[in-house]
Amino acid sequence: MADPISKSLIAFLLIASLLLFSHASSDVPFIVAHKKASLNRLKTGAERVSVTIDIYNQGTSTAYDVSLSDESWPTDLFSIISGTTSKTWEKLDAGGVLSHTFELEAKSKGVFSGEPAVIKFRVPTNAVLQVALSTPILPLDVLADRPPEKKFEWRLLAKYGSLISVISIIVMFVYLVATPSKSGKGGKKKRN
């Protein structure tokens, strides 16, 4: 007997193959969307989440009235710093890509798993809006206690950089003067 994961994988593959078969036999847009988020810790201790959603039309015709909505960011946990969580475009040509980015600031500590963004579009042959979902994001450990990153100390370079440069030049000069030339070809012949 197959385990639940195998059954769900088989069901997914069956649905995907049916979708691909129906897609191959008709002239329609095929929307694929990828949602990604990255964390950026500020010096003040706050943490920002940069979210980018890329929408691809892998179909053979243009998608019209494309709208994106990503309402998976609760306002009690995140505040919008720049951009918006929704966007609309007039169309997305076959083979084209649309991208949307916004930035949030975390209000509280914890692990957050966002839901997929919702993309709605219209097919030229059908007045009903079609719906596609983006990929979900991996869980984000927001405001987690992280060990400090080891960063290059620029102030040490500024303090001792000139001294190191002068010593390096002197050592190279002494090495060049003290090392005999190794040019044996085309030089003076030895007398016996």
N, C-alpha and C. Protein backbone atom coordinates (compact mmCIF):
# COMPACT_ATOMS: atom_id res chain seq x y z
N MET A 1 0.85 -1.19 0.00
CA MET A 1 0.00 0.00 0.00
C MET A 1 0.89 1.24 0.00
N ALA A 2 0.57 2.23 -0.84
CA ALA A 2 1.37 3.44 -0.97
C ALA A 2 1.10 4.39 0.19
N ASP A 3 2.15 5.12 0.60
CA ASP A 3 1.97 6.07 1.69
C ASP A 3 1.26 7.33 1.16
N PRO A 4 0.76 8.20 2.06
CA PRO A 4 0.00 9.39 1.64
C PRO A 4 0.81 10.33 0.74
N ILE A 5 2.11 10.42 0.97
CA ILE A 5 2.94 11.31 0.15
C ILE A 5 2.98 10.79 -1.28
N SER A 6 3.14 9.47 -1.45
CA SER A 6 3.17 8.90 -2.79
C SER A 6 1.84 9.11 -3.50
N LYS A 7 0.74 8.95 -2.78
CA LYS A 7 -0.58 9.15 -3.38
C LYS A 7 -0.75 10.60 -3.83
N SER A 8 -0.32 11.55 -2.99
CA SER A 8 -0.48 12.95 -3.36
C SER A 8 0.45 13.31 -4.53
N LEU A 9 1.63 12.71 -4.57
CA LEU A 9 2.55 12.96 -5.67
C LEU A 9 1.98 12.42 -6.98
N ILE A 10 1.39 11.23 -6.94
CA ILE A 10 0.77 10.65 -8.13
C ILE A 10 -0.40 11.52 -8.59
N ALA A 11 -1.20 11.98 -7.63
CA ALA A 11 -2.33 12.85 -7.98
C ALA A 11 -1.84 14.15 -8.61
N PHE A 12 -0.79 14.73 -8.04
CA PHE A 12 -0.23 15.97 -8.58
C PHE A 12 0.28 15.76 -10.00
N LEU A 13 1.02 14.68 -10.23
CA LEU A 13 1.55 14.39 -11.56
C LEU A 13 0.43 14.16 -12.56
N LEU A 14 -0.64 13.50 -12.15
CA LEU A 14 -1.77 13.27 -13.03
C LEU A 14 -2.44 14.59 -13.41
N ILE A 15 -2.66 15.45 -12.43
CA ILE A 15 -3.28 16.75 -12.70
C ILE A 15 -2.37 17.60 -13.58
N ALA A 16 -1.06 17.60 -13.28
CA ALA A 16 -0.11 18.38 -14.08
C ALA A 16 -0.08 17.89 -15.52
N SER A 17 -0.10 16.58 -15.73
CA SER A 17 -0.09 16.06 -17.09
C SER A 17 -1.38 16.41 -17.83
N LEU A 18 -2.51 16.39 -17.13
CA LEU A 18 -3.77 16.79 -17.75
C LEU A 18 -3.74 18.26 -18.14
N LEU A 19 -3.19 19.10 -17.26
CA LEU A 19 -3.08 20.52 -17.56
C LEU A 19 -2.16 20.76 -18.75
N LEU A 20 -1.03 20.06 -18.78
CA LEU A 20 -0.10 20.23 -19.89
C LEU A 20 -0.71 19.74 -21.20
N PHE A 21 -1.46 18.63 -21.15
CA PHE A 21 -2.10 18.11 -22.35
C PHE A 21 -3.14 19.09 -22.85
N SER A 22 -3.95 19.64 -21.94
CA SER A 22 -4.98 20.59 -22.38
C SER A 22 -4.33 21.88 -22.86
N HIS A 23 -3.20 22.25 -22.26
CA HIS A 23 -2.48 23.46 -22.67
C HIS A 23 -1.89 23.27 -24.07
N ALA A 24 -1.36 22.09 -24.36
CA ALA A 24 -0.72 21.85 -25.64
C ALA A 24 -1.73 21.84 -26.78
N SER A 25 -2.97 21.55 -26.49
CA SER A 25 -3.96 21.43 -27.56
C SER A 25 -4.74 22.72 -27.79
N SER A 26 -4.46 23.80 -27.07
CA SER A 26 -5.21 25.03 -27.27
C SER A 26 -4.29 26.23 -27.25
N ASP A 27 -4.81 27.34 -27.75
CA ASP A 27 -4.04 28.58 -27.85
C ASP A 27 -4.46 29.49 -26.70
N VAL A 28 -3.83 29.29 -25.52
CA VAL A 28 -4.19 30.05 -24.33
C VAL A 28 -2.94 30.49 -23.58
N PRO A 29 -3.07 31.51 -22.74
CA PRO A 29 -1.96 31.86 -21.86
C PRO A 29 -1.79 30.79 -20.77
N PHE A 30 -0.58 30.57 -20.35
CA PHE A 30 -0.30 29.64 -19.26
C PHE A 30 0.57 30.39 -18.26
N ILE A 31 0.00 30.80 -17.14
CA ILE A 31 0.67 31.67 -16.18
C ILE A 31 1.37 30.86 -15.10
N VAL A 32 2.65 31.17 -14.91
CA VAL A 32 3.46 30.58 -13.85
C VAL A 32 4.02 31.75 -13.04
N ALA A 33 3.89 31.69 -11.73
CA ALA A 33 4.36 32.80 -10.88
C ALA A 33 5.27 32.29 -9.78
N HIS A 34 6.36 33.02 -9.55
CA HIS A 34 7.33 32.65 -8.52
C HIS A 34 7.43 33.78 -7.51
N LYS A 35 7.19 33.43 -6.25
CA LYS A 35 7.24 34.42 -5.16
C LYS A 35 8.47 34.11 -4.31
N LYS A 36 9.26 35.13 -4.05
CA LYS A 36 10.45 34.94 -3.20
C LYS A 36 10.55 36.09 -2.21
N ALA A 37 11.08 35.77 -1.03
CA ALA A 37 11.23 36.78 0.02
C ALA A 37 12.61 36.65 0.64
N SER A 38 13.20 37.78 0.98
CA SER A 38 14.50 37.77 1.64
C SER A 38 14.48 38.72 2.83
N LEU A 39 15.23 38.35 3.86
CA LEU A 39 15.31 39.15 5.09
C LEU A 39 16.52 40.05 5.05
N ASN A 40 16.37 41.27 5.61
CA ASN A 40 17.47 42.21 5.69
C ASN A 40 17.43 42.86 7.06
N ARG A 41 18.43 42.54 7.90
CA ARG A 41 18.50 43.11 9.25
C ARG A 41 19.16 44.46 9.17
N LEU A 42 18.52 45.47 9.75
CA LEU A 42 19.05 46.83 9.78
C LEU A 42 19.90 47.02 11.03
N LYS A 43 20.73 48.05 11.03
CA LYS A 43 21.58 48.34 12.19
C LYS A 43 20.76 48.69 13.42
N THR A 44 19.55 49.20 13.20
CA THR A 44 18.69 49.58 14.32
C THR A 44 18.09 48.38 15.02
N GLY A 45 18.27 47.18 14.45
CA GLY A 45 17.69 45.98 15.03
C GLY A 45 16.41 45.56 14.36
N ALA A 46 15.83 46.44 13.55
CA ALA A 46 14.61 46.10 12.81
C ALA A 46 14.97 45.16 11.66
N GLU A 47 13.97 44.44 11.19
CA GLU A 47 14.20 43.53 10.07
C GLU A 47 13.17 43.79 8.98
N ARG A 48 13.67 43.88 7.77
CA ARG A 48 12.80 44.12 6.62
C ARG A 48 12.72 42.88 5.75
N VAL A 49 11.55 42.72 5.15
CA VAL A 49 11.31 41.59 4.24
C VAL A 49 11.08 42.17 2.86
N SER A 50 11.94 41.78 1.92
CA SER A 50 11.80 42.21 0.53
C SER A 50 11.13 41.08 -0.24
N VAL A 51 9.98 41.36 -0.83
CA VAL A 51 9.19 40.35 -1.53
C VAL A 51 9.16 40.68 -3.02
N THR A 52 9.49 39.70 -3.85
CA THR A 52 9.44 39.85 -5.30
C THR A 52 8.59 38.73 -5.87
N ILE A 53 7.68 39.10 -6.76
CA ILE A 53 6.84 38.11 -7.43
C ILE A 53 7.03 38.29 -8.93
N ASP A 54 7.53 37.24 -9.59
CA ASP A 54 7.73 37.23 -11.03
C ASP A 54 6.62 36.41 -11.66
N ILE A 55 5.98 36.97 -12.69
CA ILE A 55 4.87 36.30 -13.37
C ILE A 55 5.30 36.03 -14.82
N TYR A 56 5.26 34.78 -15.21
CA TYR A 56 5.68 34.35 -16.55
C TYR A 56 4.46 33.86 -17.33
N ASN A 57 4.37 34.22 -18.60
CA ASN A 57 3.35 33.67 -19.48
C ASN A 57 4.02 32.65 -20.38
N GLN A 58 3.87 31.38 -20.03
CA GLN A 58 4.48 30.29 -20.80
C GLN A 58 3.55 29.78 -21.89
N GLY A 59 2.42 30.44 -22.08
CA GLY A 59 1.44 30.02 -23.07
C GLY A 59 1.75 30.56 -24.45
N THR A 60 0.78 30.39 -25.34
CA THR A 60 0.96 30.79 -26.73
C THR A 60 0.13 32.02 -27.11
N SER A 61 -0.60 32.59 -26.15
CA SER A 61 -1.36 33.81 -26.44
C SER A 61 -1.24 34.79 -25.27
N THR A 62 -1.68 36.01 -25.49
CA THR A 62 -1.58 37.08 -24.50
C THR A 62 -2.64 36.94 -23.42
N ALA A 63 -2.24 37.22 -22.17
CA ALA A 63 -3.18 37.28 -21.05
C ALA A 63 -3.52 38.76 -20.83
N TYR A 64 -4.80 39.06 -20.65
CA TYR A 64 -5.25 40.44 -20.48
C TYR A 64 -5.76 40.68 -19.06
N ASP A 65 -5.79 41.95 -18.67
CA ASP A 65 -6.29 42.36 -17.35
C ASP A 65 -5.65 41.54 -16.23
N VAL A 66 -4.34 41.51 -16.22
CA VAL A 66 -3.59 40.72 -15.24
C VAL A 66 -3.56 41.48 -13.92
N SER A 67 -3.95 40.81 -12.84
CA SER A 67 -3.89 41.44 -11.52
C SER A 67 -3.20 40.50 -10.54
N LEU A 68 -2.44 41.09 -9.65
CA LEU A 68 -1.70 40.36 -8.64
C LEU A 68 -2.18 40.83 -7.27
N SER A 69 -2.39 39.88 -6.37
CA SER A 69 -2.78 40.22 -5.01
C SER A 69 -2.06 39.28 -4.05
N ASP A 70 -1.33 39.86 -3.12
CA ASP A 70 -0.61 39.07 -2.12
C ASP A 70 -1.02 39.57 -0.74
N GLU A 71 -2.13 39.06 -0.23
CA GLU A 71 -2.68 39.50 1.05
C GLU A 71 -2.29 38.57 2.20
N SER A 72 -1.16 37.86 2.04
CA SER A 72 -0.76 36.90 3.07
C SER A 72 0.11 37.51 4.16
N TRP A 73 0.24 38.83 4.20
CA TRP A 73 1.08 39.51 5.18
C TRP A 73 0.18 40.22 6.20
N PRO A 74 -0.06 39.63 7.37
CA PRO A 74 -0.96 40.24 8.37
C PRO A 74 -0.43 41.60 8.83
N THR A 75 -1.34 42.56 8.94
CA THR A 75 -0.94 43.91 9.33
C THR A 75 -0.51 44.00 10.79
N ASP A 76 -0.89 43.03 11.60
CA ASP A 76 -0.42 43.04 12.99
C ASP A 76 1.01 42.52 13.12
N LEU A 77 1.53 41.84 12.07
CA LEU A 77 2.91 41.32 12.09
C LEU A 77 3.86 42.10 11.19
N PHE A 78 3.32 42.75 10.14
CA PHE A 78 4.16 43.45 9.17
C PHE A 78 3.53 44.79 8.80
N SER A 79 4.40 45.77 8.54
CA SER A 79 3.92 47.05 8.01
C SER A 79 4.60 47.29 6.67
N ILE A 80 3.87 47.87 5.73
CA ILE A 80 4.40 48.11 4.39
C ILE A 80 5.30 49.34 4.43
N ILE A 81 6.53 49.15 3.95
CA ILE A 81 7.52 50.24 3.90
C ILE A 81 7.51 50.89 2.53
N SER A 82 7.54 50.07 1.48
CA SER A 82 7.50 50.61 0.12
C SER A 82 6.74 49.66 -0.79
N GLY A 83 6.09 50.24 -1.79
CA GLY A 83 5.31 49.44 -2.74
C GLY A 83 3.95 49.07 -2.17
N THR A 84 3.26 48.19 -2.89
CA THR A 84 1.95 47.71 -2.47
C THR A 84 1.90 46.19 -2.65
N THR A 85 0.97 45.56 -1.98
CA THR A 85 0.84 44.11 -2.08
C THR A 85 -0.04 43.69 -3.25
N SER A 86 -0.50 44.65 -4.04
CA SER A 86 -1.29 44.31 -5.23
C SER A 86 -0.87 45.20 -6.39
N LYS A 87 -1.11 44.70 -7.59
CA LYS A 87 -0.70 45.43 -8.79
C LYS A 87 -1.52 44.91 -9.97
N THR A 88 -1.79 45.78 -10.94
CA THR A 88 -2.50 45.37 -12.15
C THR A 88 -1.72 45.79 -13.38
N TRP A 89 -1.85 45.01 -14.44
CA TRP A 89 -1.26 45.30 -15.73
C TRP A 89 -2.32 45.10 -16.80
N GLU A 90 -2.18 45.79 -17.90
CA GLU A 90 -3.14 45.67 -18.99
C GLU A 90 -3.04 44.31 -19.67
N LYS A 91 -1.79 43.83 -19.90
CA LYS A 91 -1.62 42.55 -20.57
C LYS A 91 -0.25 41.97 -20.27
N LEU A 92 -0.14 40.68 -20.56
CA LEU A 92 1.13 39.94 -20.47
C LEU A 92 1.24 39.09 -21.72
N ASP A 93 2.13 39.50 -22.61
CA ASP A 93 2.28 38.79 -23.89
C ASP A 93 2.82 37.39 -23.69
N ALA A 94 2.60 36.52 -24.68
CA ALA A 94 3.12 35.16 -24.64
C ALA A 94 4.65 35.21 -24.57
N GLY A 95 5.22 34.46 -23.64
CA GLY A 95 6.67 34.47 -23.44
C GLY A 95 7.16 35.64 -22.61
N GLY A 96 6.27 36.50 -22.16
CA GLY A 96 6.66 37.69 -21.41
C GLY A 96 6.76 37.45 -19.91
N VAL A 97 7.34 38.43 -19.23
CA VAL A 97 7.53 38.37 -17.78
C VAL A 97 7.14 39.70 -17.17
N LEU A 98 6.42 39.65 -16.06
CA LEU A 98 6.11 40.82 -15.25
C LEU A 98 6.71 40.60 -13.87
N SER A 99 7.12 41.68 -13.24
CA SER A 99 7.71 41.55 -11.91
C SER A 99 7.18 42.65 -11.01
N HIS A 100 6.98 42.30 -9.74
CA HIS A 100 6.49 43.28 -8.76
C HIS A 100 7.24 43.06 -7.45
N THR A 101 7.68 44.16 -6.83
CA THR A 101 8.44 44.09 -5.59
C THR A 101 7.84 45.05 -4.57
N PHE A 102 7.82 44.61 -3.32
CA PHE A 102 7.43 45.50 -2.23
C PHE A 102 8.25 45.12 -0.99
N GLU A 103 8.30 46.04 -0.03
CA GLU A 103 9.12 45.83 1.16
C GLU A 103 8.27 46.02 2.42
N LEU A 104 8.46 45.12 3.36
CA LEU A 104 7.73 45.14 4.62
C LEU A 104 8.71 45.24 5.78
N GLU A 105 8.21 45.69 6.93
CA GLU A 105 9.03 45.66 8.14
C GLU A 105 8.30 44.81 9.17
N ALA A 106 9.05 43.90 9.78
CA ALA A 106 8.46 42.99 10.77
C ALA A 106 8.21 43.74 12.07
N LYS A 107 7.07 43.45 12.68
CA LYS A 107 6.72 44.07 13.96
C LYS A 107 6.99 43.15 15.14
N SER A 108 6.99 41.84 14.89
CA SER A 108 7.21 40.90 16.00
C SER A 108 8.06 39.72 15.54
N LYS A 109 8.62 39.06 16.54
CA LYS A 109 9.53 37.94 16.32
C LYS A 109 8.74 36.65 16.11
N GLY A 110 9.27 35.76 15.24
CA GLY A 110 8.64 34.46 15.04
C GLY A 110 8.87 33.92 13.64
N VAL A 111 8.40 32.70 13.41
CA VAL A 111 8.52 32.06 12.11
C VAL A 111 7.24 32.35 11.33
N PHE A 112 7.41 32.79 10.08
CA PHE A 112 6.26 33.14 9.25
C PHE A 112 6.32 32.38 7.94
N SER A 113 5.23 31.74 7.59
CA SER A 113 5.10 31.04 6.30
C SER A 113 3.99 31.73 5.51
N GLY A 114 4.36 32.36 4.42
CA GLY A 114 3.38 33.08 3.61
C GLY A 114 2.66 32.18 2.64
N GLU A 115 1.44 32.56 2.33
CA GLU A 115 0.62 31.84 1.35
C GLU A 115 1.02 32.28 -0.06
N PRO A 116 0.64 31.52 -1.07
CA PRO A 116 0.91 31.94 -2.45
C PRO A 116 0.14 33.22 -2.81
N ALA A 117 0.71 34.00 -3.70
CA ALA A 117 0.02 35.17 -4.22
C ALA A 117 -1.01 34.71 -5.25
N VAL A 118 -2.05 35.50 -5.44
CA VAL A 118 -3.12 35.16 -6.39
C VAL A 118 -2.99 36.05 -7.62
N ILE A 119 -2.96 35.42 -8.78
CA ILE A 119 -2.88 36.14 -10.05
C ILE A 119 -4.17 35.85 -10.81
N LYS A 120 -4.86 36.91 -11.23
CA LYS A 120 -6.08 36.74 -12.03
C LYS A 120 -5.81 37.36 -13.40
N PHE A 121 -6.36 36.71 -14.42
CA PHE A 121 -6.16 37.20 -15.78
C PHE A 121 -7.34 36.77 -16.65
N ARG A 122 -7.45 37.43 -17.80
CA ARG A 122 -8.52 37.11 -18.73
C ARG A 122 -7.94 36.52 -20.00
N VAL A 123 -8.59 35.47 -20.47
CA VAL A 123 -8.22 34.81 -21.72
C VAL A 123 -9.05 35.45 -22.83
N PRO A 124 -8.47 35.71 -24.00
CA PRO A 124 -9.22 36.38 -25.07
C PRO A 124 -10.51 35.66 -25.46
N THR A 125 -10.56 34.35 -25.36
CA THR A 125 -11.74 33.60 -25.79
C THR A 125 -12.77 33.38 -24.69
N ASN A 126 -12.48 33.88 -23.47
CA ASN A 126 -13.37 33.62 -22.34
C ASN A 126 -13.47 34.88 -21.48
N ALA A 127 -14.67 35.30 -21.15
CA ALA A 127 -14.86 36.52 -20.35
C ALA A 127 -14.61 36.28 -18.86
N VAL A 128 -14.64 35.03 -18.43
CA VAL A 128 -14.45 34.71 -17.01
C VAL A 128 -12.97 34.84 -16.64
N LEU A 129 -12.70 35.48 -15.52
CA LEU A 129 -11.32 35.62 -15.06
C LEU A 129 -10.75 34.25 -14.66
N GLN A 130 -9.52 34.02 -15.08
CA GLN A 130 -8.80 32.80 -14.72
C GLN A 130 -7.94 33.11 -13.51
N VAL A 131 -7.64 32.10 -12.71
CA VAL A 131 -6.85 32.30 -11.49
C VAL A 131 -5.63 31.39 -11.52
N ALA A 132 -4.50 31.96 -11.14
CA ALA A 132 -3.27 31.19 -10.98
C ALA A 132 -2.67 31.55 -9.63
N LEU A 133 -1.93 30.63 -9.04
CA LEU A 133 -1.28 30.87 -7.75
C LEU A 133 0.23 30.84 -7.93
N SER A 134 0.91 31.68 -7.17
CA SER A 134 2.37 31.67 -7.18
C SER A 134 2.88 30.54 -6.31
N THR A 135 4.17 30.35 -6.33
CA THR A 135 4.78 29.42 -5.40
C THR A 135 4.72 30.04 -4.01
N PRO A 136 4.59 29.24 -2.96
CA PRO A 136 4.65 29.81 -1.61
C PRO A 136 6.11 30.09 -1.26
N ILE A 137 6.32 30.89 -0.23
CA ILE A 137 7.69 31.15 0.22
C ILE A 137 8.07 30.14 1.29
N LEU A 138 9.37 29.95 1.45
CA LEU A 138 9.87 29.11 2.53
C LEU A 138 9.65 29.85 3.85
N PRO A 139 9.54 29.14 4.96
CA PRO A 139 9.33 29.83 6.25
C PRO A 139 10.46 30.82 6.56
N LEU A 140 10.06 31.99 7.02
CA LEU A 140 11.01 33.04 7.38
C LEU A 140 11.10 33.13 8.89
N ASP A 141 12.31 33.08 9.43
CA ASP A 141 12.52 33.24 10.86
C ASP A 141 12.78 34.73 11.13
N VAL A 142 11.71 35.46 11.34
CA VAL A 142 11.76 36.91 11.45
C VAL A 142 12.27 37.33 12.82
N LEU A 143 13.20 38.27 12.82
CA LEU A 143 13.81 38.82 14.04
C LEU A 143 14.41 37.74 14.93
N ALA A 144 14.93 36.70 14.31
CA ALA A 144 15.56 35.61 15.06
C ALA A 144 16.90 36.06 15.63
N ASP A 145 17.27 35.46 16.74
CA ASP A 145 18.57 35.75 17.33
C ASP A 145 19.64 35.06 16.50
N ARG A 146 20.46 35.86 15.83
CA ARG A 146 21.53 35.32 14.99
C ARG A 146 22.86 35.78 15.54
N PRO A 147 23.87 34.92 15.43
CA PRO A 147 25.19 35.38 15.86
C PRO A 147 25.66 36.50 14.94
N PRO A 148 26.41 37.46 15.47
CA PRO A 148 26.86 38.57 14.63
C PRO A 148 27.74 38.05 13.50
N GLU A 149 27.56 38.66 12.33
CA GLU A 149 28.36 38.25 11.18
C GLU A 149 29.75 38.85 11.29
N LYS A 150 30.73 38.07 10.89
CA LYS A 150 32.10 38.54 10.88
C LYS A 150 32.30 39.39 9.63
N LYS A 151 32.43 40.68 9.82
CA LYS A 151 32.59 41.58 8.69
C LYS A 151 34.01 42.09 8.64
N PHE A 152 34.44 42.45 7.44
CA PHE A 152 35.78 43.00 7.25
C PHE A 152 35.87 44.33 7.98
N GLU A 153 36.92 44.50 8.73
CA GLU A 153 37.11 45.72 9.50
C GLU A 153 37.78 46.80 8.64
N TRP A 154 36.98 47.67 8.07
CA TRP A 154 37.51 48.72 7.21
C TRP A 154 38.33 49.74 8.00
N ARG A 155 38.00 49.92 9.28
CA ARG A 155 38.76 50.91 10.05
C ARG A 155 40.20 50.45 10.29
N LEU A 156 40.42 49.11 10.38
CA LEU A 156 41.79 48.61 10.51
C LEU A 156 42.56 48.85 9.22
N LEU A 157 41.92 48.66 8.09
CA LEU A 157 42.57 48.92 6.81
C LEU A 157 42.92 50.40 6.70
N ALA A 158 42.03 51.27 7.14
CA ALA A 158 42.30 52.70 7.07
C ALA A 158 43.43 53.09 8.01
N LYS A 159 43.51 52.43 9.16
CA LYS A 159 44.54 52.78 10.15
C LYS A 159 45.91 52.27 9.76
N TYR A 160 46.00 50.99 9.29
CA TYR A 160 47.29 50.36 9.03
C TYR A 160 47.57 50.11 7.55
N GLY A 161 46.67 50.50 6.66
CA GLY A 161 46.84 50.21 5.24
C GLY A 161 48.07 50.85 4.63
N SER A 162 48.34 52.12 4.94
CA SER A 162 49.50 52.81 4.36
C SER A 162 50.81 52.20 4.86
N LEU A 163 50.85 51.81 6.13
CA LEU A 163 52.04 51.19 6.69
C LEU A 163 52.33 49.85 6.01
N ILE A 164 51.30 49.06 5.80
CA ILE A 164 51.46 47.77 5.14
C ILE A 164 51.91 47.96 3.69
N SER A 165 51.41 48.98 3.02
CA SER A 165 51.81 49.26 1.63
C SER A 165 53.29 49.62 1.54
N VAL A 166 53.77 50.49 2.43
CA VAL A 166 55.18 50.91 2.41
C VAL A 166 56.09 49.72 2.70
N ILE A 167 55.77 48.91 3.70
CA ILE A 167 56.59 47.75 4.03
C ILE A 167 56.60 46.76 2.86
N SER A 168 55.48 46.56 2.21
CA SER A 168 55.41 45.64 1.06
C SER A 168 56.29 46.13 -0.08
N ILE A 169 56.29 47.41 -0.36
CA ILE A 169 57.12 47.96 -1.44
C ILE A 169 58.59 47.79 -1.12
N ILE A 170 59.00 48.05 0.13
CA ILE A 170 60.41 47.90 0.52
C ILE A 170 60.84 46.44 0.40
N VAL A 171 60.02 45.50 0.86
CA VAL A 171 60.37 44.08 0.78
C VAL A 171 60.49 43.65 -0.68
N MET A 172 59.60 44.09 -1.54
CA MET A 172 59.69 43.73 -2.96
C MET A 172 60.95 44.31 -3.60
N PHE A 173 61.33 45.55 -3.25
CA PHE A 173 62.53 46.17 -3.80
C PHE A 173 63.78 45.38 -3.37
N VAL A 174 63.87 45.03 -2.10
CA VAL A 174 65.02 44.26 -1.60
C VAL A 174 65.08 42.90 -2.29
N TYR A 175 63.95 42.26 -2.48
CA TYR A 175 63.91 40.96 -3.14
C TYR A 175 64.40 41.06 -4.59
N LEU A 176 63.96 42.09 -5.32
CA LEU A 176 64.38 42.26 -6.71
C LEU A 176 65.86 42.57 -6.83
N VAL A 177 66.43 43.37 -5.91
CA VAL A 177 67.85 43.72 -5.96
C VAL A 177 68.70 42.52 -5.56
N ALA A 178 68.28 41.77 -4.57
CA ALA A 178 69.10 40.67 -4.04
C ALA A 178 69.00 39.40 -4.88
N THR A 179 67.99 39.23 -5.68
CA THR A 179 67.81 38.01 -6.47
C THR A 179 68.58 38.16 -7.78
N PRO A 180 69.46 37.18 -8.09
CA PRO A 180 70.22 37.27 -9.35
C PRO A 180 69.30 37.06 -10.55
N SER A 181 69.72 37.65 -11.64
CA SER A 181 68.95 37.52 -12.88
C SER A 181 69.05 36.10 -13.38
N LYS A 182 67.99 35.58 -13.95
CA LYS A 182 67.98 34.20 -14.43
C LYS A 182 67.97 34.14 -15.95
N SER A 183 68.41 35.17 -16.62
CA SER A 183 68.40 35.16 -18.09
C SER A 183 69.68 34.51 -18.58
N GLY A 184 69.63 33.25 -18.95
CA GLY A 184 70.79 32.50 -19.43
C GLY A 184 70.88 32.51 -20.93
N LYS A 185 69.83 32.79 -21.60
CA LYS A 185 69.82 32.77 -23.07
C LYS A 185 70.14 34.17 -23.60
N GLY A 186 70.98 34.19 -24.60
CA GLY A 186 71.30 35.45 -25.26
C GLY A 186 72.20 36.36 -24.45
N GLY A 187 72.71 35.90 -23.34
CA GLY A 187 73.58 36.72 -22.51
C GLY A 187 75.02 36.57 -22.92
N LYS A 188 75.95 37.02 -22.08
CA LYS A 188 77.38 36.90 -22.38
C LYS A 188 77.82 35.46 -22.27
N LYS A 189 78.77 35.08 -23.14
CA LYS A 189 79.31 33.72 -23.12
C LYS A 189 80.39 33.65 -22.06
N LYS A 190 80.48 32.50 -21.42
CA LYS A 190 81.51 32.29 -20.40
C LYS A 190 82.82 31.97 -21.10
N ARG A 191 83.92 32.52 -20.62
CA ARG A 191 85.25 32.26 -21.17
C ARG A 191 85.93 31.20 -20.34
N ASN A 192 86.60 30.28 -21.04
CA ASN A 192 87.33 29.21 -20.36
C ASN A 192 88.77 29.53 -20.19
